[in-house]
């Protein structure tokens, strides 16, 4: 099986490369090796390598910067996926693409299902939704995996930020009225690989489409931070600071955040037998997040 992974140096991309190396014919590229916003370059690489699967882990994920850099955000999050999906279709390949909870407005009571109405609050969410739409248009053989609150040992994320700030401060104010499911990057990579392996064996076109995959149990950022510091203390990494729960309006940001990012992950469990990310288990390796 030939697999092209884009965004190989990102949080999920790094995990994909680690898990796939030696198991498939792998071409892993980051933006230095392939600019996915360059249609000719994408076409050249894909037509030469002829992957069975493209896993697109490349994205412009700077949510606040996207408000100022909307053109760049759309270039990476819409145009890049369009070119990849198109090129995959040309060689008969399937595209697996990572999307986000930010495609939703976050004002629903209860869990977000795949078929719920979208309504992004900002430029990042709009660009990611546009990316989903062009993939559907360009390639029938697609999997769009929406996830949320990604963290891992590699790259920048909330867990690393908490550990860094916790060493320097006695008190931390953490938003307590935004809820979601923290998602371990290694589990997202594992889910994508599992889907890919199942599709390669079964070739069941009914399984293509949009899926939600994130962590459980659902928590607020404040509750997530509490667990992070509990694990950090258990592992003698630091003495936990005092945490104060604050509201979203007490911590203004350039881009609005969804207050509810809780995802219904029952579809992916039913179709692919993939369970939600166990973020509490992933945090037991907390020493690895400081290295």
C-alpha atoms as a PDB file:
ATOM      1  CA  UNK A   1       0.000   0.000   0.000  1.00  0.00           C
ATOM      2  CA  UNK A   2       1.342   3.421  -0.977  1.00  0.00           C
ATOM      3  CA  UNK A   3       0.545   6.273   1.414  1.00  0.00           C
ATOM      4  CA  UNK A   4       1.295   9.990   1.096  1.00  0.00           C
ATOM      5  CA  UNK A   5       1.201  11.940   4.380  1.00  0.00           C
ATOM      6  CA  UNK A   6       1.194  15.729   4.184  1.00  0.00           C
ATOM      7  CA  UNK A   7       1.922  17.948   7.171  1.00  0.00           C
ATOM      8  CA  UNK A   8       4.305  15.301   8.467  1.00  0.00           C
ATOM      9  CA  UNK A   9       5.838  17.582  11.081  1.00  0.00           C
ATOM     10  CA  UNK A  10       2.559  18.599  12.719  1.00  0.00           C
ATOM     11  CA  UNK A  11       1.069  17.042  15.843  1.00  0.00           C
ATOM     12  CA  UNK A  12      -0.914  14.341  14.035  1.00  0.00           C
ATOM     13  CA  UNK A  13       1.403  14.111  11.037  1.00  0.00           C
ATOM     14  CA  UNK A  14       4.347  13.254  13.281  1.00  0.00           C
ATOM     15  CA  UNK A  15       2.333  10.446  14.895  1.00  0.00           C
ATOM     16  CA  UNK A  16       1.199   9.159  11.488  1.00  0.00           C
ATOM     17  CA  UNK A  17       4.795   8.894  10.287  1.00  0.00           C
ATOM     18  CA  UNK A  18       5.875   7.128  13.485  1.00  0.00           C
ATOM     19  CA  UNK A  19       3.037   4.605  13.229  1.00  0.00           C
ATOM     20  CA  UNK A  20       3.288   3.994   9.461  1.00  0.00           C
ATOM     21  CA  UNK A  21       7.059   3.750   9.013  1.00  0.00           C
ATOM     22  CA  UNK A  22       8.100   0.293   7.874  1.00  0.00           C
ATOM     23  CA  UNK A  23       4.487  -0.860   7.431  1.00  0.00           C
ATOM     24  CA  UNK A  24       3.576   0.796   4.121  1.00  0.00           C
ATOM     25  CA  UNK A  25       5.322   2.402   1.161  1.00  0.00           C
ATOM     26  CA  UNK A  26       5.363   5.844   2.779  1.00  0.00           C
ATOM     27  CA  UNK A  27       6.048   9.280   1.348  1.00  0.00           C
ATOM     28  CA  UNK A  28       5.904  11.802   4.210  1.00  0.00           C
ATOM     29  CA  UNK A  29       6.188  15.482   3.335  1.00  0.00           C
ATOM     30  CA  UNK A  30       5.983  18.739   5.219  1.00  0.00           C
ATOM     31  CA  UNK A  31       5.664  22.180   3.655  1.00  0.00           C
ATOM     32  CA  UNK A  32       9.427  22.306   2.916  1.00  0.00           C
ATOM     33  CA  UNK A  33       9.084  19.224   0.723  1.00  0.00           C
ATOM     34  CA  UNK A  34       5.635  19.953  -0.734  1.00  0.00           C
ATOM     35  CA  UNK A  35       3.665  23.171  -0.740  1.00  0.00           C
ATOM     36  CA  UNK A  36       0.106  21.848  -0.946  1.00  0.00           C
ATOM     37  CA  UNK A  37      -1.103  25.285  -2.095  1.00  0.00           C
ATOM     38  CA  UNK A  38       0.865  24.854  -5.336  1.00  0.00           C
ATOM     39  CA  UNK A  39      -1.404  22.878  -7.646  1.00  0.00           C
ATOM     40  CA  UNK A  40       1.345  21.959 -10.123  1.00  0.00           C
ATOM     41  CA  UNK A  41       3.650  20.661  -7.390  1.00  0.00           C
ATOM     42  CA  UNK A  42       0.855  18.602  -5.839  1.00  0.00           C
ATOM     43  CA  UNK A  43      -0.058  17.124  -9.202  1.00  0.00           C
ATOM     44  CA  UNK A  44       3.580  16.284  -9.991  1.00  0.00           C
ATOM     45  CA  UNK A  45       4.246  14.527  -6.668  1.00  0.00           C
ATOM     46  CA  UNK A  46       0.973  12.579  -6.660  1.00  0.00           C
ATOM     47  CA  UNK A  47       1.140  11.537 -10.321  1.00  0.00           C
ATOM     48  CA  UNK A  48       4.694  10.287  -9.802  1.00  0.00           C
ATOM     49  CA  UNK A  49       4.145   8.479  -6.467  1.00  0.00           C
ATOM     50  CA  UNK A  50       0.590   7.282  -7.239  1.00  0.00           C
ATOM     51  CA  UNK A  51      -0.550   6.807  -3.630  1.00  0.00           C
ATOM     52  CA  UNK A  52      -3.463   4.558  -2.760  1.00  0.00           C
ATOM     53  CA  UNK A  53      -4.187   6.940   0.113  1.00  0.00           C
ATOM     54  CA  UNK A  54      -3.370  10.552   0.864  1.00  0.00           C
ATOM     55  CA  UNK A  55      -3.677  11.525   4.523  1.00  0.00           C
ATOM     56  CA  UNK A  56      -3.767  15.293   4.736  1.00  0.00           C
ATOM     57  CA  UNK A  57      -2.528  16.424   8.135  1.00  0.00           C
ATOM     58  CA  UNK A  58      -1.393  19.832   6.844  1.00  0.00           C
ATOM     59  CA  UNK A  59      -3.347  22.852   8.057  1.00  0.00           C
ATOM     60  CA  UNK A  60      -3.185  26.483   9.067  1.00  0.00           C
ATOM     61  CA  UNK A  61      -4.286  26.085  12.691  1.00  0.00           C
ATOM     62  CA  UNK A  62      -3.439  29.506  14.154  1.00  0.00           C
ATOM     63  CA  UNK A  63      -7.045  30.378  15.029  1.00  0.00           C
ATOM     64  CA  UNK A  64      -6.435  33.984  16.083  1.00  0.00           C
ATOM     65  CA  UNK A  65      -3.915  34.748  13.335  1.00  0.00           C
ATOM     66  CA  UNK A  66      -6.415  33.464  10.772  1.00  0.00           C
ATOM     67  CA  UNK A  67      -8.550  36.543  11.457  1.00  0.00           C
ATOM     68  CA  UNK A  68      -5.724  38.684  10.030  1.00  0.00           C
ATOM     69  CA  UNK A  69      -4.389  36.089   7.598  1.00  0.00           C
ATOM     70  CA  UNK A  70      -7.657  34.893   6.111  1.00  0.00           C
ATOM     71  CA  UNK A  71      -6.236  34.591   2.597  1.00  0.00           C
ATOM     72  CA  UNK A  72      -3.374  32.413   3.843  1.00  0.00           C
ATOM     73  CA  UNK A  73      -5.778  30.348   5.931  1.00  0.00           C
ATOM     74  CA  UNK A  74      -8.013  29.652   2.928  1.00  0.00           C
ATOM     75  CA  UNK A  75      -5.002  28.911   0.747  1.00  0.00           C
ATOM     76  CA  UNK A  76      -3.790  26.169   3.111  1.00  0.00           C
ATOM     77  CA  UNK A  77      -7.126  24.908   4.470  1.00  0.00           C
ATOM     78  CA  UNK A  78      -9.235  25.076   1.291  1.00  0.00           C
ATOM     79  CA  UNK A  79      -7.022  25.225  -1.791  1.00  0.00           C
ATOM     80  CA  UNK A  80      -4.475  22.683  -0.556  1.00  0.00           C
ATOM     81  CA  UNK A  81      -7.113  20.032   0.231  1.00  0.00           C
ATOM     82  CA  UNK A  82      -8.782  20.737  -3.132  1.00  0.00           C
ATOM     83  CA  UNK A  83      -5.544  20.090  -5.019  1.00  0.00           C
ATOM     84  CA  UNK A  84      -4.802  16.949  -2.989  1.00  0.00           C
ATOM     85  CA  UNK A  85      -8.316  15.542  -3.458  1.00  0.00           C
ATOM     86  CA  UNK A  86      -8.206  16.291  -7.175  1.00  0.00           C
ATOM     87  CA  UNK A  87      -4.764  14.695  -7.608  1.00  0.00           C
ATOM     88  CA  UNK A  88      -5.830  11.637  -5.571  1.00  0.00           C
ATOM     89  CA  UNK A  89      -8.877  11.217  -7.811  1.00  0.00           C
ATOM     90  CA  UNK A  90      -6.661  11.378 -10.911  1.00  0.00           C
ATOM     91  CA  UNK A  91      -4.696   8.322  -9.731  1.00  0.00           C
ATOM     92  CA  UNK A  92      -7.721   6.486  -8.268  1.00  0.00           C
ATOM     93  CA  UNK A  93      -6.672   7.218  -4.692  1.00  0.00           C
ATOM     94  CA  UNK A  94      -8.594   7.965  -1.512  1.00  0.00           C
ATOM     95  CA  UNK A  95      -8.095  11.110   0.562  1.00  0.00           C
ATOM     96  CA  UNK A  96      -8.341  11.190   4.361  1.00  0.00           C
ATOM     97  CA  UNK A  97      -8.532  14.721   5.722  1.00  0.00           C
ATOM     98  CA  UNK A  98      -8.486  16.164   9.247  1.00  0.00           C
ATOM     99  CA  UNK A  99     -11.098  18.814   9.982  1.00  0.00           C
ATOM    100  CA  UNK A 100     -12.315  20.519  13.128  1.00  0.00           C
ATOM    101  CA  UNK A 101     -15.077  21.310  15.610  1.00  0.00           C
ATOM    102  CA  UNK A 102     -14.706  24.955  14.519  1.00  0.00           C
ATOM    103  CA  UNK A 103     -16.999  24.280  11.542  1.00  0.00           C
ATOM    104  CA  UNK A 104     -19.849  24.492  14.095  1.00  0.00           C
ATOM    105  CA  UNK A 105     -21.105  27.615  15.898  1.00  0.00           C
ATOM    106  CA  UNK A 106     -20.916  25.852  19.277  1.00  0.00           C
ATOM    107  CA  UNK A 107     -24.345  26.931  20.493  1.00  0.00           C
ATOM    108  CA  UNK A 108     -26.098  23.550  20.393  1.00  0.00           C
ATOM    109  CA  UNK A 109     -27.387  21.805  23.503  1.00  0.00           C
ATOM    110  CA  UNK A 110     -25.925  18.308  23.531  1.00  0.00           C
ATOM    111  CA  UNK A 111     -23.477  16.597  21.182  1.00  0.00           C
ATOM    112  CA  UNK A 112     -22.701  17.648  17.623  1.00  0.00           C
ATOM    113  CA  UNK A 113     -23.507  15.016  15.003  1.00  0.00           C
ATOM    114  CA  UNK A 114     -21.958  14.837  11.542  1.00  0.00           C
ATOM    115  CA  UNK A 115     -25.154  16.031   9.853  1.00  0.00           C
ATOM    116  CA  UNK A 116     -25.796  19.000  12.162  1.00  0.00           C
ATOM    117  CA  UNK A 117     -25.871  22.432  10.490  1.00  0.00           C
ATOM    118  CA  UNK A 118     -22.467  24.088  10.303  1.00  0.00           C
ATOM    119  CA  UNK A 119     -21.849  27.752  11.030  1.00  0.00           C
ATOM    120  CA  UNK A 120     -18.251  28.752  11.730  1.00  0.00           C
ATOM    121  CA  UNK A 121     -17.645  31.723  14.016  1.00  0.00           C
ATOM    122  CA  UNK A 122     -14.376  32.866  12.442  1.00  0.00           C
ATOM    123  CA  UNK A 123     -11.969  32.710   9.522  1.00  0.00           C
ATOM    124  CA  UNK A 124     -10.282  29.489  10.623  1.00  0.00           C
ATOM    125  CA  UNK A 125     -13.587  27.616  10.844  1.00  0.00           C
ATOM    126  CA  UNK A 126     -14.753  29.052   7.511  1.00  0.00           C
ATOM    127  CA  UNK A 127     -11.545  27.951   5.801  1.00  0.00           C
ATOM    128  CA  UNK A 128     -11.774  24.433   7.247  1.00  0.00           C
ATOM    129  CA  UNK A 129     -15.424  24.098   6.215  1.00  0.00           C
ATOM    130  CA  UNK A 130     -14.513  25.267   2.712  1.00  0.00           C
ATOM    131  CA  UNK A 131     -11.824  22.572   2.684  1.00  0.00           C
ATOM    132  CA  UNK A 132     -14.392  19.903   3.523  1.00  0.00           C
ATOM    133  CA  UNK A 133     -16.683  21.120   0.747  1.00  0.00           C
ATOM    134  CA  UNK A 134     -14.056  21.090  -2.003  1.00  0.00           C
ATOM    135  CA  UNK A 135     -12.881  17.606  -1.031  1.00  0.00           C
ATOM    136  CA  UNK A 136     -16.437  16.287  -1.376  1.00  0.00           C
ATOM    137  CA  UNK A 137     -16.679  17.967  -4.796  1.00  0.00           C
ATOM    138  CA  UNK A 138     -13.329  16.698  -6.096  1.00  0.00           C
ATOM    139  CA  UNK A 139     -13.135  13.109  -4.879  1.00  0.00           C
ATOM    140  CA  UNK A 140     -15.927  10.650  -4.050  1.00  0.00           C
ATOM    141  CA  UNK A 141     -13.403   8.499  -2.180  1.00  0.00           C
ATOM    142  CA  UNK A 142     -12.951  10.682   0.880  1.00  0.00           C
ATOM    143  CA  UNK A 143     -12.956  10.525   4.652  1.00  0.00           C
ATOM    144  CA  UNK A 144     -13.262  13.796   6.542  1.00  0.00           C
ATOM    145  CA  UNK A 145     -12.378  13.353  10.209  1.00  0.00           C
ATOM    146  CA  UNK A 146     -13.471  16.198  12.453  1.00  0.00           C
ATOM    147  CA  UNK A 147     -11.624  16.381  15.736  1.00  0.00           C
ATOM    148  CA  UNK A 148     -11.064  18.880  18.557  1.00  0.00           C
ATOM    149  CA  UNK A 149      -8.681  20.074  21.262  1.00  0.00           C
ATOM    150  CA  UNK A 150      -5.676  18.198  19.838  1.00  0.00           C
ATOM    151  CA  UNK A 151      -2.659  17.585  22.067  1.00  0.00           C
ATOM    152  CA  UNK A 152       0.414  15.384  21.973  1.00  0.00           C
ATOM    153  CA  UNK A 153       4.103  15.102  22.745  1.00  0.00           C
ATOM    154  CA  UNK A 154       5.098  16.811  19.477  1.00  0.00           C
ATOM    155  CA  UNK A 155       4.284  20.418  18.599  1.00  0.00           C
ATOM    156  CA  UNK A 156       2.468  23.145  20.499  1.00  0.00           C
ATOM    157  CA  UNK A 157      -0.734  22.474  22.415  1.00  0.00           C
ATOM    158  CA  UNK A 158      -2.710  23.226  25.579  1.00  0.00           C
ATOM    159  CA  UNK A 159      -0.995  20.547  27.688  1.00  0.00           C
ATOM    160  CA  UNK A 160       2.470  21.918  26.959  1.00  0.00           C
ATOM    161  CA  UNK A 161       1.289  25.478  27.541  1.00  0.00           C
ATOM    162  CA  UNK A 162      -0.125  24.536  30.947  1.00  0.00           C
ATOM    163  CA  UNK A 163       3.080  22.772  31.974  1.00  0.00           C
ATOM    164  CA  UNK A 164       5.185  25.734  30.876  1.00  0.00           C
ATOM    165  CA  UNK A 165       3.004  28.335  32.616  1.00  0.00           C
ATOM    166  CA  UNK A 166       2.573  26.165  35.694  1.00  0.00           C
ATOM    167  CA  UNK A 167       6.304  26.303  36.403  1.00  0.00           C
ATOM    168  CA  UNK A 168       6.355  30.096  36.476  1.00  0.00           C
ATOM    169  CA  UNK A 169       3.038  31.117  38.016  1.00  0.00           C
ATOM    170  CA  UNK A 170       1.273  30.560  41.305  1.00  0.00           C
ATOM    171  CA  UNK A 171      -2.212  31.225  39.898  1.00  0.00           C
ATOM    172  CA  UNK A 172      -3.643  30.483  36.441  1.00  0.00           C
ATOM    173  CA  UNK A 173      -6.969  31.711  35.085  1.00  0.00           C
ATOM    174  CA  UNK A 174      -8.525  29.076  32.833  1.00  0.00           C
ATOM    175  CA  UNK A 175     -11.717  29.354  30.778  1.00  0.00           C
ATOM    176  CA  UNK A 176     -14.421  27.237  32.391  1.00  0.00           C
ATOM    177  CA  UNK A 177     -17.417  27.781  30.094  1.00  0.00           C
ATOM    178  CA  UNK A 178     -16.119  26.184  26.874  1.00  0.00           C
ATOM    179  CA  UNK A 179     -16.616  22.402  26.678  1.00  0.00           C
ATOM    180  CA  UNK A 180     -15.183  19.730  24.428  1.00  0.00           C
ATOM    181  CA  UNK A 181     -13.308  16.463  24.133  1.00  0.00           C
ATOM    182  CA  UNK A 182      -9.497  16.635  24.354  1.00  0.00           C
ATOM    183  CA  UNK A 183      -8.073  14.455  21.584  1.00  0.00           C
ATOM    184  CA  UNK A 184      -4.660  12.787  21.760  1.00  0.00           C
ATOM    185  CA  UNK A 185      -2.759  13.157  18.467  1.00  0.00           C
ATOM    186  CA  UNK A 186      -1.576   9.545  18.612  1.00  0.00           C
ATOM    187  CA  UNK A 187      -5.188   8.362  18.853  1.00  0.00           C
ATOM    188  CA  UNK A 188      -6.220  10.537  15.882  1.00  0.00           C
ATOM    189  CA  UNK A 189      -3.379   9.043  13.835  1.00  0.00           C
ATOM    190  CA  UNK A 190      -4.364   5.547  14.928  1.00  0.00           C
ATOM    191  CA  UNK A 191      -7.995   6.196  13.935  1.00  0.00           C
ATOM    192  CA  UNK A 192      -6.968   7.409  10.473  1.00  0.00           C
ATOM    193  CA  UNK A 193      -4.724   4.397   9.933  1.00  0.00           C
ATOM    194  CA  UNK A 194      -7.455   2.017  11.092  1.00  0.00           C
ATOM    195  CA  UNK A 195      -9.937   3.590   8.661  1.00  0.00           C
ATOM    196  CA  UNK A 196      -7.392   3.402   5.845  1.00  0.00           C
ATOM    197  CA  UNK A 197      -6.633  -0.263   6.515  1.00  0.00           C
ATOM    198  CA  UNK A 198     -10.318  -1.172   6.627  1.00  0.00           C
ATOM    199  CA  UNK A 199     -11.065   0.705   3.401  1.00  0.00           C
ATOM    200  CA  UNK A 200      -8.128  -0.926   1.628  1.00  0.00           C
ATOM    201  CA  UNK A 201      -9.517  -4.373   2.432  1.00  0.00           C
ATOM    202  CA  UNK A 202     -13.237  -3.811   2.014  1.00  0.00           C
ATOM    203  CA  UNK A 203     -13.459  -1.068  -0.658  1.00  0.00           C
ATOM    204  CA  UNK A 204     -16.949  -0.248   0.639  1.00  0.00           C
ATOM    205  CA  UNK A 205     -18.041   3.062  -0.898  1.00  0.00           C
ATOM    206  CA  UNK A 206     -20.839   3.395   1.678  1.00  0.00           C
ATOM    207  CA  UNK A 207     -18.185   4.043   4.331  1.00  0.00           C
ATOM    208  CA  UNK A 208     -16.851   7.226   2.729  1.00  0.00           C
ATOM    209  CA  UNK A 209     -17.979  10.519   4.248  1.00  0.00           C
ATOM    210  CA  UNK A 210     -17.677  12.684   7.352  1.00  0.00           C
ATOM    211  CA  UNK A 211     -16.908  11.323  10.821  1.00  0.00           C
ATOM    212  CA  UNK A 212     -16.382  12.780  14.278  1.00  0.00           C
ATOM    213  CA  UNK A 213     -13.497  11.594  16.438  1.00  0.00           C
ATOM    214  CA  UNK A 214     -12.522  13.255  19.695  1.00  0.00           C
ATOM    215  CA  UNK A 215     -11.854  12.447  23.327  1.00  0.00           C
ATOM    216  CA  UNK A 216     -14.066  11.510  26.215  1.00  0.00           C
ATOM    217  CA  UNK A 217     -15.106  12.357  28.853  1.00  0.00           C
ATOM    218  CA  UNK A 218     -16.098  15.866  27.784  1.00  0.00           C
ATOM    219  CA  UNK A 219     -14.699  18.622  30.000  1.00  0.00           C
ATOM    220  CA  UNK A 220     -14.139  22.359  30.159  1.00  0.00           C
ATOM    221  CA  UNK A 221     -10.669  23.800  29.610  1.00  0.00           C
ATOM    222  CA  UNK A 222     -10.573  24.444  33.370  1.00  0.00           C
ATOM    223  CA  UNK A 223     -11.373  20.797  34.127  1.00  0.00           C
ATOM    224  CA  UNK A 224      -8.830  19.636  31.546  1.00  0.00           C
ATOM    225  CA  UNK A 225      -6.152  21.820  33.172  1.00  0.00           C
ATOM    226  CA  UNK A 226      -6.960  20.338  36.583  1.00  0.00           C
ATOM    227  CA  UNK A 227      -6.278  16.810  35.321  1.00  0.00           C
ATOM    228  CA  UNK A 228      -3.082  17.940  33.583  1.00  0.00           C
ATOM    229  CA  UNK A 229      -1.713  19.362  36.845  1.00  0.00           C
ATOM    230  CA  UNK A 230      -2.835  16.335  38.859  1.00  0.00           C
ATOM    231  CA  UNK A 231      -0.774  14.123  36.541  1.00  0.00           C
ATOM    232  CA  UNK A 232       2.153  16.574  36.612  1.00  0.00           C
ATOM    233  CA  UNK A 233       2.231  16.499  40.417  1.00  0.00           C
ATOM    234  CA  UNK A 234       1.966  12.709  40.483  1.00  0.00           C
ATOM    235  CA  UNK A 235       5.041  12.590  38.244  1.00  0.00           C
ATOM    236  CA  UNK A 236       6.936  15.186  40.294  1.00  0.00           C
ATOM    237  CA  UNK A 237       7.167  17.565  37.356  1.00  0.00           C
ATOM    238  CA  UNK A 238       6.051  20.637  39.287  1.00  0.00           C
ATOM    239  CA  UNK A 239       3.992  21.947  42.147  1.00  0.00           C
ATOM    240  CA  UNK A 240       0.589  22.729  40.676  1.00  0.00           C
ATOM    241  CA  UNK A 241      -0.499  26.368  40.640  1.00  0.00           C
ATOM    242  CA  UNK A 242      -3.891  27.415  41.938  1.00  0.00           C
ATOM    243  CA  UNK A 243      -6.460  27.395  39.138  1.00  0.00           C
ATOM    244  CA  UNK A 244      -9.301  29.890  38.814  1.00  0.00           C
ATOM    245  CA  UNK A 245     -12.231  29.259  36.473  1.00  0.00           C
ATOM    246  CA  UNK A 246     -13.085  32.296  34.353  1.00  0.00           C
ATOM    247  CA  UNK A 247     -15.688  33.006  31.664  1.00  0.00           C
ATOM    248  CA  UNK A 248     -14.977  33.446  27.970  1.00  0.00           C
ATOM    249  CA  UNK A 249     -15.754  37.170  28.096  1.00  0.00           C
ATOM    250  CA  UNK A 250     -13.061  37.583  30.759  1.00  0.00           C
ATOM    251  CA  UNK A 251     -10.461  36.288  28.288  1.00  0.00           C
ATOM    252  CA  UNK A 252     -11.127  38.062  24.964  1.00  0.00           C
ATOM    253  CA  UNK A 253      -9.399  36.699  21.846  1.00  0.00           C
ATOM    254  CA  UNK A 254      -9.340  37.950  18.223  1.00  0.00           C
ATOM    255  CA  UNK A 255     -11.300  34.859  17.117  1.00  0.00           C
ATOM    256  CA  UNK A 256     -14.456  33.659  18.826  1.00  0.00           C
ATOM    257  CA  UNK A 257     -14.372  30.093  20.178  1.00  0.00           C
ATOM    258  CA  UNK A 258     -17.294  27.633  20.152  1.00  0.00           C
ATOM    259  CA  UNK A 259     -18.648  27.242  23.682  1.00  0.00           C
ATOM    260  CA  UNK A 260     -19.755  23.690  22.904  1.00  0.00           C
ATOM    261  CA  UNK A 261     -17.341  21.461  20.994  1.00  0.00           C
ATOM    262  CA  UNK A 262     -18.754  18.170  22.285  1.00  0.00           C
ATOM    263  CA  UNK A 263     -18.876  15.680  19.446  1.00  0.00           C
ATOM    264  CA  UNK A 264     -21.034  12.614  18.978  1.00  0.00           C
ATOM    265  CA  UNK A 265     -18.559   9.875  18.020  1.00  0.00           C
ATOM    266  CA  UNK A 266     -21.077   7.047  17.692  1.00  0.00           C
ATOM    267  CA  UNK A 267     -20.918   6.929  13.868  1.00  0.00           C
ATOM    268  CA  UNK A 268     -17.194   6.144  13.677  1.00  0.00           C
ATOM    269  CA  UNK A 269     -17.632   3.515  16.396  1.00  0.00           C
ATOM    270  CA  UNK A 270     -20.532   1.901  14.549  1.00  0.00           C
ATOM    271  CA  UNK A 271     -18.932   1.944  11.065  1.00  0.00           C
ATOM    272  CA  UNK A 272     -15.240   1.397  11.860  1.00  0.00           C
ATOM    273  CA  UNK A 273     -15.321   0.084  15.468  1.00  0.00           C
ATOM    274  CA  UNK A 274     -13.163   3.014  16.596  1.00  0.00           C
ATOM    275  CA  UNK A 275     -13.703   4.249  20.150  1.00  0.00           C
ATOM    276  CA  UNK A 276     -13.218   7.874  21.284  1.00  0.00           C
ATOM    277  CA  UNK A 277      -9.766   9.049  22.308  1.00  0.00           C
ATOM    278  CA  UNK A 278      -8.897   8.218  25.914  1.00  0.00           C
ATOM    279  CA  UNK A 279      -7.203  11.499  26.777  1.00  0.00           C
ATOM    280  CA  UNK A 280      -6.829  10.651  30.460  1.00  0.00           C
ATOM    281  CA  UNK A 281      -4.791   7.575  29.540  1.00  0.00           C
ATOM    282  CA  UNK A 282      -2.657   9.662  27.172  1.00  0.00           C
ATOM    283  CA  UNK A 283      -1.914  12.131  29.973  1.00  0.00           C
ATOM    284  CA  UNK A 284      -0.383   9.364  32.084  1.00  0.00           C
ATOM    285  CA  UNK A 285       2.676   9.764  29.818  1.00  0.00           C
ATOM    286  CA  UNK A 286       2.924  13.402  30.868  1.00  0.00           C
ATOM    287  CA  UNK A 287       6.708  13.324  31.327  1.00  0.00           C
ATOM    288  CA  UNK A 288       6.998  12.897  27.547  1.00  0.00           C
ATOM    289  CA  UNK A 289       5.256  16.250  27.013  1.00  0.00           C
ATOM    290  CA  UNK A 290       8.162  18.083  28.637  1.00  0.00           C
ATOM    291  CA  UNK A 291      10.961  16.527  26.593  1.00  0.00           C
END
